[in-house]
Amino acid sequence: MSRYTNVILAVGVLAAAAAVYDMKHDAERSAEHVAALQREIEQEREQLQLLKAEWSLLNDPSRLQRLVERYNEHLSLEPLSVEQITRIEDVPVKPVHLAPIDSNATLGGYAGSAPVVR
């Protein structure tokens, strides 16, 4: 009887060792994946810092003023007047003109019987 118990315990120990080895291997793969993600996050942060620096350089007011002065003949820019500022509610809606697709259809085509959608 003790012989069977020893064999069962030995198989149990081997199974437990295999399970622990598998868990260790999974933990190492997870740690490698986390390290790779952290490297990628750091690269993205560096890229963001570079883009922010470039954006601030491109939006430098003195640089923009020099560009406006250089290309003023081509751009024909003028200062903004107070009359040009309005609310979005005051801007009229541009009508969309749709030609009927099939005038013989019961709805007069996808655009319906009226060619203007409001």
Protein backbone atom coordinates (compact mmCIF):
# COMPACT_ATOMS: atom_id res chain seq x y z
CA MET A 1 0.00 0.00 0.00
CA SER A 2 2.79 2.47 0.82
CA ARG A 3 4.32 1.80 -2.58
CA TYR A 4 1.17 3.10 -4.33
CA THR A 5 1.09 6.10 -2.01
CA ASN A 6 4.73 6.88 -2.81
CA VAL A 7 4.04 6.66 -6.58
CA ILE A 8 0.95 8.87 -6.28
CA LEU A 9 2.85 11.42 -4.19
CA ALA A 10 5.78 11.39 -6.65
CA VAL A 11 3.40 12.02 -9.57
CA GLY A 12 1.74 14.79 -7.55
CA VAL A 13 5.11 16.40 -6.83
CA LEU A 14 6.04 16.22 -10.53
CA ALA A 15 2.70 17.75 -11.52
CA ALA A 16 3.12 20.53 -8.95
CA ALA A 17 6.68 21.21 -10.19
CA ALA A 18 5.42 21.39 -13.79
CA ALA A 19 2.63 23.77 -12.74
CA VAL A 20 5.09 26.01 -10.84
CA TYR A 21 7.45 26.03 -13.84
CA ASP A 22 4.58 26.97 -16.14
CA MET A 23 3.50 29.78 -13.79
CA LYS A 24 7.10 31.05 -13.63
CA HIS A 25 7.34 31.02 -17.42
CA ASP A 26 4.02 32.91 -17.72
CA ALA A 27 5.19 35.48 -15.17
CA GLU A 28 8.43 36.04 -17.10
CA ARG A 29 6.50 36.52 -20.36
CA SER A 30 4.15 38.96 -18.63
CA ALA A 31 7.10 40.90 -17.18
CA GLU A 32 8.71 41.09 -20.64
CA HIS A 33 5.41 42.30 -22.12
CA VAL A 34 5.05 44.96 -19.41
CA ALA A 35 8.63 46.11 -20.01
CA ALA A 36 7.98 46.35 -23.76
CA LEU A 37 4.82 48.36 -23.13
CA GLN A 38 6.70 50.70 -20.79
CA ARG A 39 9.39 51.24 -23.44
CA GLU A 40 6.69 51.99 -26.01
CA ILE A 41 4.96 54.43 -23.63
CA GLU A 42 8.27 56.21 -23.03
CA GLN A 43 8.89 56.47 -26.77
CA GLU A 44 5.41 57.92 -27.27
CA ARG A 45 6.02 60.47 -24.49
CA GLU A 46 9.29 61.52 -26.11
CA GLN A 47 7.51 61.84 -29.47
CA LEU A 48 4.80 63.96 -27.83
CA GLN A 49 7.40 66.25 -26.27
CA LEU A 50 9.09 66.63 -29.66
CA LEU A 51 5.78 67.42 -31.37
CA LYS A 52 4.84 69.97 -28.68
CA ALA A 53 8.21 71.68 -29.10
CA GLU A 54 7.78 71.75 -32.86
CA TRP A 55 4.23 73.08 -32.50
CA SER A 56 5.36 75.91 -30.24
CA LEU A 57 8.15 76.75 -32.69
CA LEU A 58 5.73 76.82 -35.64
CA ASN A 59 3.23 78.98 -33.72
CA ASP A 60 5.79 81.51 -32.56
CA PRO A 61 4.17 84.94 -33.12
CA SER A 62 7.37 86.55 -34.41
CA ARG A 63 7.82 83.74 -36.95
CA LEU A 64 4.22 84.04 -38.08
CA GLN A 65 4.58 87.82 -38.40
CA ARG A 66 7.68 87.37 -40.61
CA LEU A 67 5.79 84.90 -42.80
CA VAL A 68 2.83 87.26 -43.15
CA GLU A 69 5.15 90.11 -44.12
CA ARG A 70 7.01 87.92 -46.61
CA TYR A 71 3.93 86.47 -48.32
CA ASN A 72 1.50 89.37 -47.92
CA GLU A 73 1.33 89.96 -51.69
CA HIS A 74 0.27 86.36 -52.35
CA LEU A 75 -2.03 85.96 -49.36
CA SER A 76 -3.71 89.38 -49.46
CA LEU A 77 -4.43 89.17 -45.76
CA GLU A 78 -6.25 91.97 -44.00
CA PRO A 79 -6.88 92.60 -40.31
CA LEU A 80 -10.10 91.18 -38.92
CA SER A 81 -12.83 93.77 -38.52
CA VAL A 82 -15.52 93.77 -35.86
CA GLU A 83 -18.26 93.37 -38.49
CA GLN A 84 -16.85 89.96 -39.45
CA ILE A 85 -17.47 88.45 -36.02
CA THR A 86 -20.90 86.88 -35.54
CA ARG A 87 -22.64 84.05 -33.75
CA ILE A 88 -23.09 80.70 -35.46
CA GLU A 89 -26.87 81.05 -35.11
CA ASP A 90 -26.76 84.15 -37.33
CA VAL A 91 -25.13 82.29 -40.23
CA PRO A 92 -27.81 81.19 -42.75
CA VAL A 93 -28.02 77.49 -43.54
CA LYS A 94 -26.97 76.68 -47.09
CA PRO A 95 -29.71 74.64 -48.81
CA VAL A 96 -28.76 71.29 -50.26
CA HIS A 97 -30.11 70.71 -53.77
CA LEU A 98 -30.67 67.05 -54.59
CA ALA A 99 -31.87 65.92 -57.97
CA PRO A 100 -34.45 63.11 -57.86
CA ILE A 101 -32.93 59.76 -58.79
CA ASP A 102 -36.04 58.20 -60.25
CA SER A 103 -38.97 60.51 -60.89
CA ASN A 104 -41.30 57.54 -61.56
CA ALA A 105 -40.86 56.12 -58.07
CA THR A 106 -43.65 56.58 -55.53
CA LEU A 107 -41.49 58.85 -53.37
CA GLY A 108 -40.08 60.77 -56.32
CA GLY A 109 -36.60 59.29 -55.94
CA TYR A 110 -34.39 59.38 -52.88
CA ALA A 111 -34.62 63.16 -52.78
CA GLY A 112 -38.41 62.97 -52.64
CA SER A 113 -40.75 65.18 -54.62
CA ALA A 114 -39.08 68.44 -53.58
CA PRO A 115 -35.51 68.95 -54.88
CA VAL A 116 -34.49 71.07 -51.87
CA VAL A 117 -33.87 69.52 -48.44
CA ARG A 118 -34.31 71.92 -45.54
